[in-house]
Amino acid sequence: MRALQDAGIAVASSCGGDAVCGKCVLKITAGAENLSAPTEDELFLIEKDQIKPGFRVSCQCQVLGDVEVDATYW
């Protein structure tokens, strides 16, 4: 989420990146291996909100290389 915001791209969020709302979920279309491992908070949201494989909670990811994403709200 921070990397997108730093690039001037809006990311949906009502919790400000505290891993509460789950609105910042993004589909990873390429480069998933270049993201940090899911945090405990992200794993909780994935289970609670039944987030599908291939999607990540962007406020909980660190970008470690090139990544392509898509979001239904763009």
PDB file of N, CA and C in Angstrom:
ATOM      1  N   MET A   1       0.822  -1.179   0.000  1.00  0.00           N
ATOM      2  CA  MET A   1       0.000   0.000   0.000  1.00  0.00           C
ATOM      3  C   MET A   1       0.873   1.253   0.000  1.00  0.00           C
ATOM      4  N   ARG A   2       1.899   1.251   0.818  1.00  0.00           N
ATOM      5  CA  ARG A   2       2.775   2.415   0.910  1.00  0.00           C
ATOM      6  C   ARG A   2       3.481   2.674  -0.411  1.00  0.00           C
ATOM      7  N   ALA A   3       3.945   1.616  -1.086  1.00  0.00           N
ATOM      8  CA  ALA A   3       4.642   1.797  -2.357  1.00  0.00           C
ATOM      9  C   ALA A   3       3.715   2.416  -3.404  1.00  0.00           C
ATOM     10  N   LEU A   4       2.469   1.982  -3.424  1.00  0.00           N
ATOM     11  CA  LEU A   4       1.506   2.558  -4.362  1.00  0.00           C
ATOM     12  C   LEU A   4       1.218   4.013  -4.025  1.00  0.00           C
ATOM     13  N   GLN A   5       1.014   4.299  -2.763  1.00  0.00           N
ATOM     14  CA  GLN A   5       0.758   5.674  -2.347  1.00  0.00           C
ATOM     15  C   GLN A   5       1.946   6.570  -2.661  1.00  0.00           C
ATOM     16  N   ASP A   6       3.150   6.069  -2.434  1.00  0.00           N
ATOM     17  CA  ASP A   6       4.358   6.845  -2.747  1.00  0.00           C
ATOM     18  C   ASP A   6       4.461   7.144  -4.238  1.00  0.00           C
ATOM     19  N   ALA A   7       3.868   6.260  -5.070  1.00  0.00           N
ATOM     20  CA  ALA A   7       3.871   6.452  -6.522  1.00  0.00           C
ATOM     21  C   ALA A   7       2.683   7.299  -6.986  1.00  0.00           C
ATOM     22  N   GLY A   8       1.889   7.785  -6.023  1.00  0.00           N
ATOM     23  CA  GLY A   8       0.758   8.637  -6.369  1.00  0.00           C
ATOM     24  C   GLY A   8      -0.497   7.881  -6.779  1.00  0.00           C
ATOM     25  N   ILE A   9      -0.554   6.594  -6.450  1.00  0.00           N
ATOM     26  CA  ILE A   9      -1.716   5.765  -6.793  1.00  0.00           C
ATOM     27  C   ILE A   9      -2.556   5.558  -5.545  1.00  0.00           C
ATOM     28  N   ALA A  10      -3.823   5.913  -5.649  1.00  0.00           N
ATOM     29  CA  ALA A  10      -4.723   5.778  -4.501  1.00  0.00           C
ATOM     30  C   ALA A  10      -5.000   4.310  -4.200  1.00  0.00           C
ATOM     31  N   VAL A  11      -5.086   3.999  -2.915  1.00  0.00           N
ATOM     32  CA  VAL A  11      -5.402   2.650  -2.459  1.00  0.00           C
ATOM     33  C   VAL A  11      -6.562   2.755  -1.481  1.00  0.00           C
ATOM     34  N   ALA A  12      -7.593   1.948  -1.701  1.00  0.00           N
ATOM     35  CA  ALA A  12      -8.743   1.962  -0.806  1.00  0.00           C
ATOM     36  C   ALA A  12      -8.316   1.517   0.594  1.00  0.00           C
ATOM     37  N   SER A  13      -8.779   2.253   1.607  1.00  0.00           N
ATOM     38  CA  SER A  13      -8.495   1.897   2.996  1.00  0.00           C
ATOM     39  C   SER A  13      -9.298   2.808   3.903  1.00  0.00           C
ATOM     40  N   SER A  14      -9.934   2.219   4.895  1.00  0.00           N
ATOM     41  CA  SER A  14     -10.605   3.047   5.894  1.00  0.00           C
ATOM     42  C   SER A  14      -9.923   2.926   7.251  1.00  0.00           C
ATOM     43  N   CYS A  15      -8.939   2.026   7.363  1.00  0.00           N
ATOM     44  CA  CYS A  15      -8.236   1.853   8.638  1.00  0.00           C
ATOM     45  C   CYS A  15      -6.844   2.472   8.615  1.00  0.00           C
ATOM     46  N   GLY A  16      -6.457   3.047   7.476  1.00  0.00           N
ATOM     47  CA  GLY A  16      -5.157   3.687   7.392  1.00  0.00           C
ATOM     48  C   GLY A  16      -3.977   2.735   7.408  1.00  0.00           C
ATOM     49  N   GLY A  17      -4.201   1.489   7.047  1.00  0.00           N
ATOM     50  CA  GLY A  17      -3.097   0.526   6.986  1.00  0.00           C
ATOM     51  C   GLY A  17      -2.885  -0.258   8.265  1.00  0.00           C
ATOM     52  N   ASP A  18      -3.902  -0.320   9.111  1.00  0.00           N
ATOM     53  CA  ASP A  18      -3.783  -1.051  10.378  1.00  0.00           C
ATOM     54  C   ASP A  18      -4.259  -2.494  10.282  1.00  0.00           C
ATOM     55  N   ALA A  19      -4.488  -2.995   9.077  1.00  0.00           N
ATOM     56  CA  ALA A  19      -4.900  -4.386   8.851  1.00  0.00           C
ATOM     57  C   ALA A  19      -6.227  -4.707   9.527  1.00  0.00           C
ATOM     58  N   VAL A  20      -7.169  -3.769   9.431  1.00  0.00           N
ATOM     59  CA  VAL A  20      -8.474  -3.979  10.052  1.00  0.00           C
ATOM     60  C   VAL A  20      -9.580  -4.097   9.009  1.00  0.00           C
ATOM     61  N   CYS A  21      -9.591  -3.213   8.003  1.00  0.00           N
ATOM     62  CA  CYS A  21     -10.744  -3.126   7.101  1.00  0.00           C
ATOM     63  C   CYS A  21     -10.694  -4.099   5.926  1.00  0.00           C
ATOM     64  N   GLY A  22      -9.520  -4.434   5.424  1.00  0.00           N
ATOM     65  CA  GLY A  22      -9.403  -5.328   4.279  1.00  0.00           C
ATOM     66  C   GLY A  22      -9.749  -4.699   2.945  1.00  0.00           C
ATOM     67  N   LYS A  23      -9.969  -3.393   2.907  1.00  0.00           N
ATOM     68  CA  LYS A  23     -10.340  -2.728   1.651  1.00  0.00           C
ATOM     69  C   LYS A  23      -9.181  -2.588   0.679  1.00  0.00           C
ATOM     70  N   CYS A  24      -7.963  -2.736   1.142  1.00  0.00           N
ATOM     71  CA  CYS A  24      -6.785  -2.534   0.293  1.00  0.00           C
ATOM     72  C   CYS A  24      -6.331  -3.816  -0.400  1.00  0.00           C
ATOM     73  N   VAL A  25      -7.187  -4.829  -0.412  1.00  0.00           N
ATOM     74  CA  VAL A  25      -6.836  -6.096  -1.055  1.00  0.00           C
ATOM     75  C   VAL A  25      -6.635  -5.876  -2.550  1.00  0.00           C
ATOM     76  N   LEU A  26      -5.534  -6.405  -3.065  1.00  0.00           N
ATOM     77  CA  LEU A  26      -5.187  -6.283  -4.477  1.00  0.00           C
ATOM     78  C   LEU A  26      -4.921  -7.654  -5.070  1.00  0.00           C
ATOM     79  N   LYS A  27      -5.261  -7.806  -6.339  1.00  0.00           N
ATOM     80  CA  LYS A  27      -4.901  -9.017  -7.064  1.00  0.00           C
ATOM     81  C   LYS A  27      -3.474  -8.860  -7.557  1.00  0.00           C
ATOM     82  N   ILE A  28      -2.646  -9.839  -7.287  1.00  0.00           N
ATOM     83  CA  ILE A  28      -1.258  -9.823  -7.751  1.00  0.00           C
ATOM     84  C   ILE A  28      -1.237 -10.514  -9.108  1.00  0.00           C
ATOM     85  N   THR A  29      -0.963  -9.745 -10.162  1.00  0.00           N
ATOM     86  CA  THR A  29      -0.983 -10.301 -11.513  1.00  0.00           C
ATOM     87  C   THR A  29       0.389 -10.773 -11.978  1.00  0.00           C
ATOM     88  N   ALA A  30       1.444 -10.294 -11.337  1.00  0.00           N
ATOM     89  CA  ALA A  30       2.809 -10.743 -11.643  1.00  0.00           C
ATOM     90  C   ALA A  30       3.729 -10.322 -10.504  1.00  0.00           C
ATOM     91  N   GLY A  31       4.727 -11.129 -10.232  1.00  0.00           N
ATOM     92  CA  GLY A  31       5.732 -10.773  -9.249  1.00  0.00           C
ATOM     93  C   GLY A  31       5.395 -11.088  -7.799  1.00  0.00           C
ATOM     94  N   ALA A  32       4.481 -12.010  -7.560  1.00  0.00           N
ATOM     95  CA  ALA A  32       4.108 -12.352  -6.181  1.00  0.00           C
ATOM     96  C   ALA A  32       5.320 -12.766  -5.347  1.00  0.00           C
ATOM     97  N   GLU A  33       6.306 -13.352  -5.997  1.00  0.00           N
ATOM     98  CA  GLU A  33       7.511 -13.780  -5.287  1.00  0.00           C
ATOM     99  C   GLU A  33       8.327 -12.594  -4.776  1.00  0.00           C
ATOM    100  N   ASN A  34       8.008 -11.404  -5.251  1.00  0.00           N
ATOM    101  CA  ASN A  34       8.719 -10.197  -4.831  1.00  0.00           C
ATOM    102  C   ASN A  34       8.005  -9.447  -3.713  1.00  0.00           C
ATOM    103  N   LEU A  35       7.095 -10.138  -3.025  1.00  0.00           N
ATOM    104  CA  LEU A  35       6.418  -9.559  -1.867  1.00  0.00           C
ATOM    105  C   LEU A  35       6.847 -10.302  -0.607  1.00  0.00           C
ATOM    106  N   SER A  36       6.823  -9.600   0.506  1.00  0.00           N
ATOM    107  CA  SER A  36       7.148 -10.221   1.785  1.00  0.00           C
ATOM    108  C   SER A  36       6.117 -11.302   2.109  1.00  0.00           C
ATOM    109  N   ALA A  37       6.481 -12.178   3.026  1.00  0.00           N
ATOM    110  CA  ALA A  37       5.559 -13.216   3.481  1.00  0.00           C
ATOM    111  C   ALA A  37       4.383 -12.568   4.210  1.00  0.00           C
ATOM    112  N   PRO A  38       3.217 -13.208   4.182  1.00  0.00           N
ATOM    113  CA  PRO A  38       2.061 -12.647   4.882  1.00  0.00           C
ATOM    114  C   PRO A  38       2.317 -12.517   6.390  1.00  0.00           C
ATOM    115  N   THR A  39       1.860 -11.410   6.949  1.00  0.00           N
ATOM    116  CA  THR A  39       1.965 -11.207   8.404  1.00  0.00           C
ATOM    117  C   THR A  39       0.824 -11.955   9.093  1.00  0.00           C
ATOM    118  N   GLU A  40       0.888 -12.055  10.403  1.00  0.00           N
ATOM    119  CA  GLU A  40      -0.204 -12.673  11.156  1.00  0.00           C
ATOM    120  C   GLU A  40      -1.508 -11.916  10.935  1.00  0.00           C
ATOM    121  N   ASP A  41      -1.435 -10.582  10.905  1.00  0.00           N
ATOM    122  CA  ASP A  41      -2.627  -9.772  10.670  1.00  0.00           C
ATOM    123  C   ASP A  41      -3.217 -10.057   9.293  1.00  0.00           C
ATOM    124  N   GLU A  42      -2.346 -10.189   8.285  1.00  0.00           N
ATOM    125  CA  GLU A  42      -2.837 -10.476   6.940  1.00  0.00           C
ATOM    126  C   GLU A  42      -3.475 -11.857   6.890  1.00  0.00           C
ATOM    127  N   LEU A  43      -2.845 -12.839   7.498  1.00  0.00           N
ATOM    128  CA  LEU A  43      -3.410 -14.190   7.507  1.00  0.00           C
ATOM    129  C   LEU A  43      -4.774 -14.204   8.192  1.00  0.00           C
ATOM    130  N   PHE A  44      -4.939 -13.421   9.257  1.00  0.00           N
ATOM    131  CA  PHE A  44      -6.228 -13.308   9.926  1.00  0.00           C
ATOM    132  C   PHE A  44      -7.287 -12.751   8.975  1.00  0.00           C
ATOM    133  N   LEU A  45      -6.952 -11.652   8.265  1.00  0.00           N
ATOM    134  CA  LEU A  45      -7.899 -11.046   7.319  1.00  0.00           C
ATOM    135  C   LEU A  45      -8.218 -11.987   6.158  1.00  0.00           C
ATOM    136  N   ILE A  46      -7.228 -12.699   5.679  1.00  0.00           N
ATOM    137  CA  ILE A  46      -7.437 -13.643   4.580  1.00  0.00           C
ATOM    138  C   ILE A  46      -8.468 -14.690   4.987  1.00  0.00           C
ATOM    139  N   GLU A  47      -8.340 -15.192   6.200  1.00  0.00           N
ATOM    140  CA  GLU A  47      -9.291 -16.197   6.683  1.00  0.00           C
ATOM    141  C   GLU A  47     -10.660 -15.571   6.962  1.00  0.00           C
ATOM    142  N   LYS A  48     -10.671 -14.461   7.681  1.00  0.00           N
ATOM    143  CA  LYS A  48     -11.925 -13.812   8.071  1.00  0.00           C
ATOM    144  C   LYS A  48     -12.738 -13.372   6.858  1.00  0.00           C
ATOM    145  N   ASP A  49     -12.079 -12.758   5.891  1.00  0.00           N
ATOM    146  CA  ASP A  49     -12.767 -12.218   4.715  1.00  0.00           C
ATOM    147  C   ASP A  49     -12.785 -13.177   3.528  1.00  0.00           C
ATOM    148  N   GLN A  50     -12.258 -14.387   3.729  1.00  0.00           N
ATOM    149  CA  GLN A  50     -12.207 -15.414   2.683  1.00  0.00           C
ATOM    150  C   GLN A  50     -11.592 -14.857   1.395  1.00  0.00           C
ATOM    151  N   ILE A  51     -10.427 -14.236   1.552  1.00  0.00           N
ATOM    152  CA  ILE A  51      -9.708 -13.662   0.420  1.00  0.00           C
ATOM    153  C   ILE A  51      -9.117 -14.788  -0.425  1.00  0.00           C
ATOM    154  N   LYS A  52      -9.351 -14.720  -1.713  1.00  0.00           N
ATOM    155  CA  LYS A  52      -8.944 -15.778  -2.634  1.00  0.00           C
ATOM    156  C   LYS A  52      -7.425 -15.814  -2.822  1.00  0.00           C
ATOM    157  N   PRO A  53      -6.899 -16.995  -3.173  1.00  0.00           N
ATOM    158  CA  PRO A  53      -5.477 -17.090  -3.513  1.00  0.00           C
ATOM    159  C   PRO A  53      -5.149 -16.128  -4.655  1.00  0.00           C
ATOM    160  N   GLY A  54      -3.965 -15.577  -4.628  1.00  0.00           N
ATOM    161  CA  GLY A  54      -3.546 -14.630  -5.665  1.00  0.00           C
ATOM    162  C   GLY A  54      -3.837 -13.191  -5.305  1.00  0.00           C
ATOM    163  N   PHE A  55      -4.475 -12.977  -4.160  1.00  0.00           N
ATOM    164  CA  PHE A  55      -4.764 -11.638  -3.663  1.00  0.00           C
ATOM    165  C   PHE A  55      -3.974 -11.412  -2.382  1.00  0.00           C
ATOM    166  N   ARG A  56      -3.595 -10.153  -2.144  1.00  0.00           N
ATOM    167  CA  ARG A  56      -2.868  -9.806  -0.919  1.00  0.00           C
ATOM    168  C   ARG A  56      -3.465  -8.550  -0.301  1.00  0.00           C
ATOM    169  N   VAL A  57      -3.319  -8.453   1.010  1.00  0.00           N
ATOM    170  CA  VAL A  57      -3.724  -7.262   1.756  1.00  0.00           C
ATOM    171  C   VAL A  57      -2.554  -6.290   1.646  1.00  0.00           C
ATOM    172  N   SER A  58      -2.713  -5.266   0.822  1.00  0.00           N
ATOM    173  CA  SER A  58      -1.561  -4.447   0.436  1.00  0.00           C
ATOM    174  C   SER A  58      -0.901  -3.718   1.600  1.00  0.00           C
ATOM    175  N   CYS A  59      -1.653  -3.367   2.633  1.00  0.00           N
ATOM    176  CA  CYS A  59      -1.036  -2.649   3.757  1.00  0.00           C
ATOM    177  C   CYS A  59      -0.098  -3.540   4.563  1.00  0.00           C
ATOM    178  N   GLN A  60      -0.152  -4.831   4.312  1.00  0.00           N
ATOM    179  CA  GLN A  60       0.682  -5.767   5.057  1.00  0.00           C
ATOM    180  C   GLN A  60       1.853  -6.305   4.236  1.00  0.00           C
ATOM    181  N   CYS A  61       1.968  -5.880   2.984  1.00  0.00           N
ATOM    182  CA  CYS A  61       3.025  -6.371   2.092  1.00  0.00           C
ATOM    183  C   CYS A  61       4.164  -5.369   1.988  1.00  0.00           C
ATOM    184  N   GLN A  62       5.357  -5.888   1.969  1.00  0.00           N
ATOM    185  CA  GLN A  62       6.517  -5.082   1.612  1.00  0.00           C
ATOM    186  C   GLN A  62       6.935  -5.497   0.202  1.00  0.00           C
ATOM    187  N   VAL A  63       7.155  -4.506  -0.650  1.00  0.00           N
ATOM    188  CA  VAL A  63       7.570  -4.775  -2.026  1.00  0.00           C
ATOM    189  C   VAL A  63       9.085  -4.950  -2.045  1.00  0.00           C
ATOM    190  N   LEU A  64       9.528  -6.112  -2.520  1.00  0.00           N
ATOM    191  CA  LEU A  64      10.950  -6.443  -2.535  1.00  0.00           C
ATOM    192  C   LEU A  64      11.520  -6.482  -3.951  1.00  0.00           C
ATOM    193  N   GLY A  65      10.666  -6.230  -4.941  1.00  0.00           N
ATOM    194  CA  GLY A  65      11.065  -6.258  -6.347  1.00  0.00           C
ATOM    195  C   GLY A  65       9.872  -5.857  -7.196  1.00  0.00           C
ATOM    196  N   ASP A  66       9.949  -6.123  -8.483  1.00  0.00           N
ATOM    197  CA  ASP A  66       8.872  -5.739  -9.398  1.00  0.00           C
ATOM    198  C   ASP A  66       7.600  -6.548  -9.134  1.00  0.00           C
ATOM    199  N   VAL A  67       6.473  -5.842  -9.067  1.00  0.00           N
ATOM    200  CA  VAL A  67       5.168  -6.454  -8.827  1.00  0.00           C
ATOM    201  C   VAL A  67       4.133  -5.729  -9.685  1.00  0.00           C
ATOM    202  N   GLU A  68       3.212  -6.480 -10.268  1.00  0.00           N
ATOM    203  CA  GLU A  68       2.083  -5.904 -10.977  1.00  0.00           C
ATOM    204  C   GLU A  68       0.810  -6.275 -10.227  1.00  0.00           C
ATOM    205  N   VAL A  69      -0.084  -5.290 -10.064  1.00  0.00           N
ATOM    206  CA  VAL A  69      -1.305  -5.509  -9.307  1.00  0.00           C
ATOM    207  C   VAL A  69      -2.515  -4.980 -10.061  1.00  0.00           C
ATOM    208  N   ASP A  70      -3.695  -5.415  -9.620  1.00  0.00           N
ATOM    209  CA  ASP A  70      -4.957  -4.933 -10.153  1.00  0.00           C
ATOM    210  C   ASP A  70      -5.924  -4.854  -8.985  1.00  0.00           C
ATOM    211  N   ALA A  71      -6.860  -3.908  -9.073  1.00  0.00           N
ATOM    212  CA  ALA A  71      -7.880  -3.748  -8.037  1.00  0.00           C
ATOM    213  C   ALA A  71      -9.203  -3.414  -8.686  1.00  0.00           C
ATOM    214  N   THR A  72     -10.285  -3.964  -8.142  1.00  0.00           N
ATOM    215  CA  THR A  72     -11.602  -3.714  -8.705  1.00  0.00           C
ATOM    216  C   THR A  72     -12.002  -2.246  -8.564  1.00  0.00           C
ATOM    217  N   TYR A  73     -11.405  -1.517  -7.634  1.00  0.00           N
ATOM    218  CA  TYR A  73     -11.801  -0.132  -7.394  1.00  0.00           C
ATOM    219  C   TYR A  73     -11.049   0.864  -8.287  1.00  0.00           C
ATOM    220  N   TRP A  74     -10.149   0.420  -9.161  1.00  0.00           N
ATOM    221  CA  TRP A  74      -9.448   1.337 -10.060  1.00  0.00           C
ATOM    222  C   TRP A  74     -10.207   1.490 -11.348  1.00  0.00           C
TER     223      TRP A  74
END
